[in-house]
Amino acid sequence: MKRTPRLTEADVTPESIFNMKRRQVLKTLGLSAAAMGMPGVAQADILSWFKGNDRPPAPAGRPLDFTKPAQYQADLTLTPADKVSGYNNFYEFGLDKADPAANAGTLKTEPWKLTIDGEVAKPVTLDMDDIFKRFAMEQRIYRMRCVEAWSMVVPWIGFELNKLISLAEPTSKARFVAFQTLYDPEQMPGQKDRFIGGGLNYPYVEGLRLDEAMHPLTILTTGVYGKALPPQNGAPIRLTVPWKYGFKGIKSIVKITLTANQPPTTWNQIAADEYGFYANVNPHVNHPRWSQATERFIGPGGSLKVERQPTLLFNGYAEQVASLYRGLDLRENY
């Protein structure tokens, strides 16, 4: 496909407000706190967090056992592992793309419990050992498209969500699936402080229709690049729905609830006109503040070696998932 030449730094980083150097972040937040008359203790707490030097490093992920089904080993250029782990949105650990990698070492992922309840005949609570024993892991190379118009290609490791849902035996009333991230402000300071956490309402919540959740492309992810997920990528278990924008991929999940009604989702609650419930990747439906027709692919090379490419409908998975939305107006139901 036709690609544009090397882009300028302004092209590479359009969301510059979130990508300031750490000293600029400190200065900006310090001035803002003072201007708003925040108590000195609160200002100090914010500045202490953004020093970034006293955070425990994230533990190295342990190697995982997994297979590589041929149909999911896409012949695509992978985003390097250091960029997958180093360039993230996880506001529980700060707003800058580098903050999760710098700060998420505070997250304790052992022990961990995942509960599935709601409209099910057999509610289930599993720890991670249970999950690895019950479900065979496999590597799937998926495109990942952020709503901010950048993309990656990632070799996730996980298992189909439908297997966990089937274990709980959904009732006839189940039509949607709700997800919830861990809520622990001591471990996740963005949940405690609106400056660090972007003003979101926590815990982070997401949702899918039941048929979307049961689709074989939808996986619960436990690893990346052959190892257990690092905290900044949503350890120990996250959702991956490759035909939807990345904010649907809720991280560090502790609860899955089957419901009769459409559940609330974090970004849709904040700005429904910008972040729809469906969040299907669609080059024909722009974000109110930028075009979705193209995307910046983050691949090998230096920080400025980023190529612009056309956005694919359903992120390139239309053949597999378009039937889920037959008769649905994708512009109205964005």
Protein backbone atom coordinates (compact mmCIF):
# COMPACT_ATOMS: atom_id res chain seq x y z
CA MET A 1 0.00 0.00 0.00
CA LYS A 2 1.13 3.57 -0.57
CA ARG A 3 2.87 5.11 2.41
CA THR A 4 3.80 8.65 3.22
CA PRO A 5 7.46 9.61 3.74
CA ARG A 6 9.04 10.12 7.15
CA LEU A 7 6.88 12.37 9.27
CA THR A 8 7.80 15.30 11.45
CA GLU A 9 7.75 15.05 15.22
CA ALA A 10 4.47 16.98 15.23
CA ASP A 11 2.93 14.28 13.06
CA VAL A 12 4.27 11.50 15.24
CA THR A 13 2.90 12.96 18.47
CA PRO A 14 -0.39 14.78 17.90
CA GLU A 15 -1.53 14.08 21.46
CA SER A 16 1.34 16.22 22.77
CA ILE A 17 -0.44 17.14 25.98
CA PHE A 18 0.04 13.55 27.12
CA ASN A 19 3.60 13.19 25.85
CA MET A 20 5.43 16.07 27.57
CA LYS A 21 8.83 15.39 29.03
CA ARG A 22 8.73 14.50 32.69
CA ARG A 23 10.05 17.86 33.84
CA GLN A 24 7.38 19.64 31.83
CA VAL A 25 4.73 17.47 33.47
CA LEU A 26 6.11 18.34 36.90
CA LYS A 27 6.16 22.03 36.12
CA THR A 28 2.68 22.04 34.63
CA LEU A 29 1.08 20.11 37.46
CA GLY A 30 2.92 22.09 40.12
CA LEU A 31 1.72 25.39 38.72
CA SER A 32 -1.79 24.09 38.26
CA ALA A 33 -1.97 22.81 41.81
CA ALA A 34 -0.79 26.13 43.20
CA ALA A 35 -3.13 28.11 40.99
CA MET A 36 -6.09 26.08 42.20
CA GLY A 37 -5.15 26.61 45.83
CA MET A 38 -4.48 22.95 46.55
CA PRO A 39 -3.02 22.21 50.00
CA GLY A 40 0.76 21.94 50.12
CA VAL A 41 0.56 18.30 51.15
CA ALA A 42 -1.50 17.44 48.06
CA GLN A 43 0.94 19.34 45.83
CA ALA A 44 3.87 17.48 47.37
CA ASP A 45 2.15 14.16 46.90
CA ILE A 46 1.59 14.81 43.19
CA LEU A 47 5.17 16.01 42.64
CA SER A 48 6.57 13.05 44.57
CA TRP A 49 4.71 10.64 42.35
CA PHE A 50 5.98 12.21 39.12
CA LYS A 51 9.61 12.09 40.20
CA GLY A 52 9.50 8.54 38.91
CA ASN A 53 12.86 7.55 40.40
CA ASP A 54 11.66 5.83 43.55
CA ARG A 55 9.11 3.52 41.94
CA PRO A 56 9.87 -0.20 42.21
CA PRO A 57 10.66 -1.69 38.79
CA ALA A 58 8.06 -3.99 37.27
CA PRO A 59 9.01 -7.64 37.79
CA ALA A 60 10.21 -9.58 34.77
CA GLY A 61 7.43 -11.64 33.25
CA ARG A 62 7.81 -15.39 33.56
CA PRO A 63 7.92 -17.47 30.36
CA LEU A 64 4.59 -19.04 29.42
CA ASP A 65 3.66 -22.32 27.78
CA PHE A 66 1.59 -21.74 24.66
CA THR A 67 0.84 -22.95 21.18
CA LYS A 68 0.87 -20.98 17.93
CA PRO A 69 -2.25 -21.84 15.90
CA ALA A 70 -1.38 -21.15 12.26
CA GLN A 71 -4.54 -19.15 11.54
CA TYR A 72 -3.56 -16.55 14.13
CA GLN A 73 0.10 -16.08 13.16
CA ALA A 74 -0.51 -13.15 10.85
CA ASP A 75 2.30 -12.20 8.48
CA LEU A 76 2.56 -8.65 9.79
CA THR A 77 5.47 -6.50 10.97
CA LEU A 78 5.51 -6.71 14.75
CA THR A 79 5.86 -3.72 17.01
CA PRO A 80 9.06 -4.26 19.05
CA ALA A 81 8.60 -5.57 22.57
CA ASP A 82 10.10 -2.48 24.19
CA LYS A 83 7.53 -0.27 22.47
CA VAL A 84 4.64 -2.56 23.36
CA SER A 85 5.69 -2.42 27.01
CA GLY A 86 6.90 1.19 27.01
CA TYR A 87 4.14 3.12 25.18
CA ASN A 88 0.81 2.67 26.90
CA ASN A 89 -2.38 4.28 28.10
CA PHE A 90 -3.06 3.12 31.67
CA TYR A 91 -4.21 6.23 33.51
CA GLU A 92 -4.22 4.45 36.85
CA PHE A 93 -0.43 4.99 36.67
CA GLY A 94 -0.26 8.42 35.01
CA LEU A 95 -1.15 10.26 31.82
CA ASP A 96 2.11 10.15 29.90
CA LYS A 97 2.61 7.16 27.59
CA ALA A 98 5.80 6.31 29.50
CA ASP A 99 4.22 6.57 32.96
CA PRO A 100 2.77 3.04 33.16
CA ALA A 101 6.15 1.44 32.47
CA ALA A 102 7.82 3.74 35.00
CA ASN A 103 5.20 3.48 37.72
CA ALA A 104 3.27 0.20 37.49
CA GLY A 105 5.83 -1.73 39.50
CA THR A 106 3.61 -0.91 42.49
CA LEU A 107 0.95 -3.31 41.19
CA LYS A 108 0.90 -6.65 43.01
CA THR A 109 -0.50 -9.36 40.73
CA GLU A 110 -0.15 -12.29 43.15
CA PRO A 111 -2.48 -13.39 44.57
CA TRP A 112 -5.20 -12.44 42.09
CA LYS A 113 -8.85 -13.41 41.88
CA LEU A 114 -11.14 -13.17 38.86
CA THR A 115 -14.88 -13.55 39.46
CA ILE A 116 -17.57 -14.19 36.84
CA ASP A 117 -21.13 -13.69 38.06
CA GLY A 118 -24.47 -12.11 37.20
CA GLU A 119 -26.80 -13.87 34.78
CA VAL A 120 -25.05 -17.23 35.07
CA ALA A 121 -26.06 -20.58 36.49
CA LYS A 122 -22.63 -21.26 38.02
CA PRO A 123 -20.76 -18.20 39.32
CA VAL A 124 -17.03 -18.84 39.29
CA THR A 125 -14.02 -17.36 41.09
CA LEU A 126 -10.60 -18.38 39.79
CA ASP A 127 -7.05 -17.44 40.65
CA MET A 128 -4.38 -17.26 37.99
CA ASP A 129 -3.15 -20.79 38.69
CA ASP A 130 -6.69 -22.04 38.06
CA ILE A 131 -6.82 -20.13 34.80
CA PHE A 132 -3.53 -21.52 33.51
CA LYS A 133 -4.60 -25.05 34.48
CA ARG A 134 -8.08 -24.85 32.94
CA PHE A 135 -7.34 -22.99 29.71
CA ALA A 136 -4.62 -23.71 27.16
CA MET A 137 -2.75 -20.58 26.15
CA GLU A 138 -2.04 -19.68 22.55
CA GLN A 139 -0.24 -16.89 20.77
CA ARG A 140 -2.26 -14.64 18.50
CA ILE A 141 -0.70 -11.89 16.43
CA TYR A 142 -3.29 -9.13 16.34
CA ARG A 143 -3.44 -5.59 15.05
CA MET A 144 -4.07 -3.10 17.86
CA ARG A 145 -5.62 0.28 17.00
CA CYS A 146 -5.85 3.11 19.55
CA VAL A 147 -8.66 5.64 19.24
CA GLU A 148 -5.88 8.28 19.21
CA ALA A 149 -5.02 7.09 15.66
CA TRP A 150 -1.87 5.11 16.37
CA SER A 151 -1.51 1.37 15.96
CA MET A 152 0.69 -1.60 16.79
CA VAL A 153 0.93 -5.29 15.88
CA VAL A 154 1.25 -7.40 19.02
CA PRO A 155 1.85 -11.13 19.68
CA TRP A 156 -0.59 -11.57 22.56
CA ILE A 157 -0.88 -14.81 24.53
CA GLY A 158 -4.21 -15.85 25.97
CA PHE A 159 -7.38 -17.88 25.53
CA GLU A 160 -10.86 -17.32 24.13
CA LEU A 161 -13.18 -15.49 26.50
CA ASN A 162 -16.06 -17.71 25.39
CA LYS A 163 -14.44 -20.63 27.23
CA LEU A 164 -14.61 -18.83 30.56
CA ILE A 165 -18.15 -17.58 29.94
CA SER A 166 -19.28 -21.09 28.99
CA LEU A 167 -17.80 -22.42 32.23
CA ALA A 168 -20.20 -20.18 34.16
CA GLU A 169 -23.21 -21.23 32.05
CA PRO A 170 -24.97 -18.00 31.01
CA THR A 171 -28.72 -17.87 31.55
CA SER A 172 -31.24 -16.93 28.88
CA LYS A 173 -31.32 -13.38 30.32
CA ALA A 174 -27.65 -12.71 29.58
CA ARG A 175 -27.19 -10.24 26.70
CA PHE A 176 -24.15 -8.21 27.72
CA VAL A 177 -20.84 -8.74 29.51
CA ALA A 178 -19.45 -6.13 31.93
CA PHE A 179 -15.80 -5.94 33.03
CA GLN A 180 -14.16 -4.21 35.96
CA THR A 181 -10.53 -3.32 36.69
CA LEU A 182 -8.97 -3.72 40.12
CA TYR A 183 -9.83 -0.84 42.43
CA ASP A 184 -6.93 -0.21 44.80
CA PRO A 185 -5.91 3.47 45.10
CA GLU A 186 -2.85 2.58 47.18
CA GLN A 187 -1.45 0.51 44.32
CA MET A 188 -2.96 2.61 41.54
CA PRO A 189 -2.44 6.27 42.46
CA GLY A 190 -4.36 7.52 39.44
CA GLN A 191 -7.46 6.18 41.17
CA LYS A 192 -6.73 8.38 44.17
CA ASP A 193 -5.68 11.61 42.48
CA ARG A 194 -7.49 13.24 39.56
CA PHE A 195 -4.32 14.93 38.33
CA ILE A 196 -2.53 11.63 37.96
CA GLY A 197 -5.58 9.67 36.76
CA GLY A 198 -6.97 12.07 34.19
CA GLY A 199 -10.19 12.80 36.05
CA LEU A 200 -11.77 9.46 35.19
CA ASN A 201 -14.26 7.71 37.44
CA TYR A 202 -12.71 4.56 38.88
CA PRO A 203 -12.69 1.63 38.86
CA TYR A 204 -12.40 1.46 35.09
CA VAL A 205 -15.30 -0.46 33.55
CA GLU A 206 -16.01 -1.79 30.07
CA GLY A 207 -18.59 -3.92 28.29
CA LEU A 208 -19.43 -5.99 25.25
CA ARG A 209 -22.53 -7.54 23.80
CA LEU A 210 -22.63 -11.23 24.62
CA ASP A 211 -22.18 -12.25 20.98
CA GLU A 212 -19.07 -10.04 20.74
CA ALA A 213 -17.68 -11.59 23.91
CA MET A 214 -18.36 -15.10 22.62
CA HIS A 215 -16.68 -14.45 19.26
CA PRO A 216 -13.52 -16.59 18.83
CA LEU A 217 -11.34 -13.54 18.12
CA THR A 218 -12.09 -12.11 21.60
CA ILE A 219 -9.50 -13.27 24.10
CA LEU A 220 -8.49 -12.83 27.70
CA THR A 221 -4.79 -12.03 27.48
CA THR A 222 -2.23 -13.24 30.01
CA GLY A 223 1.02 -12.63 28.15
CA VAL A 224 2.91 -10.89 25.38
CA TYR A 225 6.10 -11.75 23.54
CA GLY A 226 6.23 -15.18 25.16
CA LYS A 227 6.06 -14.00 28.76
CA ALA A 228 3.44 -13.07 31.36
CA LEU A 229 2.01 -9.59 30.92
CA PRO A 230 3.98 -6.79 32.53
CA PRO A 231 1.91 -4.59 34.86
CA GLN A 232 1.85 -1.68 32.43
CA ASN A 233 0.16 -3.88 29.83
CA GLY A 234 -2.60 -4.97 32.20
CA ALA A 235 -1.20 -7.82 34.25
CA PRO A 236 -2.17 -10.37 35.13
CA ILE A 237 -5.17 -10.59 32.77
CA ARG A 238 -6.75 -8.17 30.32
CA LEU A 239 -9.28 -8.13 27.49
CA THR A 240 -8.26 -8.05 23.81
CA VAL A 241 -10.89 -7.40 21.12
CA PRO A 242 -8.85 -6.74 17.97
CA TRP A 243 -11.55 -5.11 15.84
CA LYS A 244 -12.30 -2.43 18.46
CA TYR A 245 -10.38 0.61 19.62
CA GLY A 246 -7.84 -0.04 22.33
CA PHE A 247 -9.76 1.57 25.19
CA LYS A 248 -12.14 -1.41 25.05
CA GLY A 249 -9.21 -3.61 26.09
CA ILE A 250 -9.71 -3.23 29.84
CA LYS A 251 -6.65 -4.10 31.92
CA SER A 252 -6.06 -5.90 35.23
CA ILE A 253 -9.55 -7.42 35.34
CA VAL A 254 -11.00 -8.66 38.63
CA LYS A 255 -14.67 -9.07 37.74
CA ILE A 256 -16.79 -10.14 34.77
CA THR A 257 -20.57 -9.84 35.11
CA LEU A 258 -23.18 -11.04 32.63
CA THR A 259 -26.16 -8.69 32.47
CA ALA A 260 -29.49 -8.27 30.76
CA ASN A 261 -28.88 -4.56 30.07
CA GLN A 262 -26.06 -2.66 28.41
CA PRO A 263 -23.49 -1.85 31.11
CA PRO A 264 -21.86 1.55 31.64
CA THR A 265 -18.33 1.99 30.26
CA THR A 266 -15.77 4.48 31.51
CA TRP A 267 -15.00 6.56 28.42
CA ASN A 268 -18.58 6.48 27.18
CA GLN A 269 -19.68 7.95 30.50
CA ILE A 270 -17.08 10.73 30.26
CA ALA A 271 -17.80 11.72 26.64
CA ALA A 272 -20.48 9.71 24.86
CA ASP A 273 -20.14 11.75 21.66
CA GLU A 274 -16.45 10.84 21.41
CA TYR A 275 -16.28 7.27 22.72
CA GLY A 276 -19.17 5.04 21.78
CA PHE A 277 -20.13 1.79 23.43
CA TYR A 278 -19.28 -0.25 20.32
CA ALA A 279 -15.96 1.45 19.50
CA ASN A 280 -15.50 -0.56 16.32
CA VAL A 281 -12.53 0.63 14.29
CA ASN A 282 -14.05 2.53 11.37
CA PRO A 283 -12.18 4.85 8.97
CA HIS A 284 -15.50 6.42 7.93
CA VAL A 285 -16.48 7.64 11.41
CA ASN A 286 -14.14 10.33 12.69
CA HIS A 287 -13.46 11.24 16.26
CA PRO A 288 -14.92 14.75 16.77
CA ARG A 289 -11.39 16.14 17.09
CA TRP A 290 -9.43 14.12 14.50
CA SER A 291 -9.79 11.90 11.46
CA GLN A 292 -9.81 8.13 11.80
CA ALA A 293 -9.07 7.58 8.08
CA THR A 294 -5.37 6.93 8.71
CA GLU A 295 -3.20 5.79 11.59
CA ARG A 296 0.42 6.00 12.74
CA PHE A 297 1.89 2.50 12.82
CA ILE A 298 4.44 2.12 15.59
CA GLY A 299 6.94 -0.39 14.23
CA PRO A 300 10.70 -1.03 14.26
CA GLY A 301 13.12 1.86 14.13
CA GLY A 302 13.73 5.03 16.07
CA SER A 303 11.11 7.10 17.83
CA LEU A 304 10.46 9.17 14.71
CA LYS A 305 10.36 6.24 12.31
CA VAL A 306 6.60 6.01 12.14
CA GLU A 307 4.60 5.30 9.02
CA ARG A 308 1.13 6.54 8.21
CA GLN A 309 -1.22 3.96 6.75
CA PRO A 310 -4.93 3.69 5.92
CA THR A 311 -7.22 2.57 8.73
CA LEU A 312 -8.97 -0.72 7.94
CA LEU A 313 -12.65 -1.25 8.64
CA PHE A 314 -12.97 -3.35 11.80
CA ASN A 315 -9.16 -3.05 11.98
CA GLY A 316 -8.80 -5.59 9.19
CA TYR A 317 -11.12 -8.20 10.72
CA ALA A 318 -14.26 -7.36 8.76
CA GLU A 319 -14.48 -10.78 7.16
CA GLN A 320 -14.71 -12.40 10.58
CA VAL A 321 -16.88 -9.93 12.49
CA ALA A 322 -18.97 -7.79 10.11
CA SER A 323 -21.87 -10.24 10.40
CA LEU A 324 -22.23 -9.30 14.07
CA TYR A 325 -23.46 -5.88 12.99
CA ARG A 326 -25.71 -6.73 10.07
CA GLY A 327 -28.51 -4.16 9.95
CA LEU A 328 -26.82 -1.89 12.51
CA ASP A 329 -26.05 1.70 11.51
CA LEU A 330 -22.30 1.89 12.21
CA ARG A 331 -22.32 5.70 12.10
CA GLU A 332 -25.02 5.99 14.73
CA ASN A 333 -23.72 3.03 16.74
CA TYR A 334 -20.05 4.04 16.71
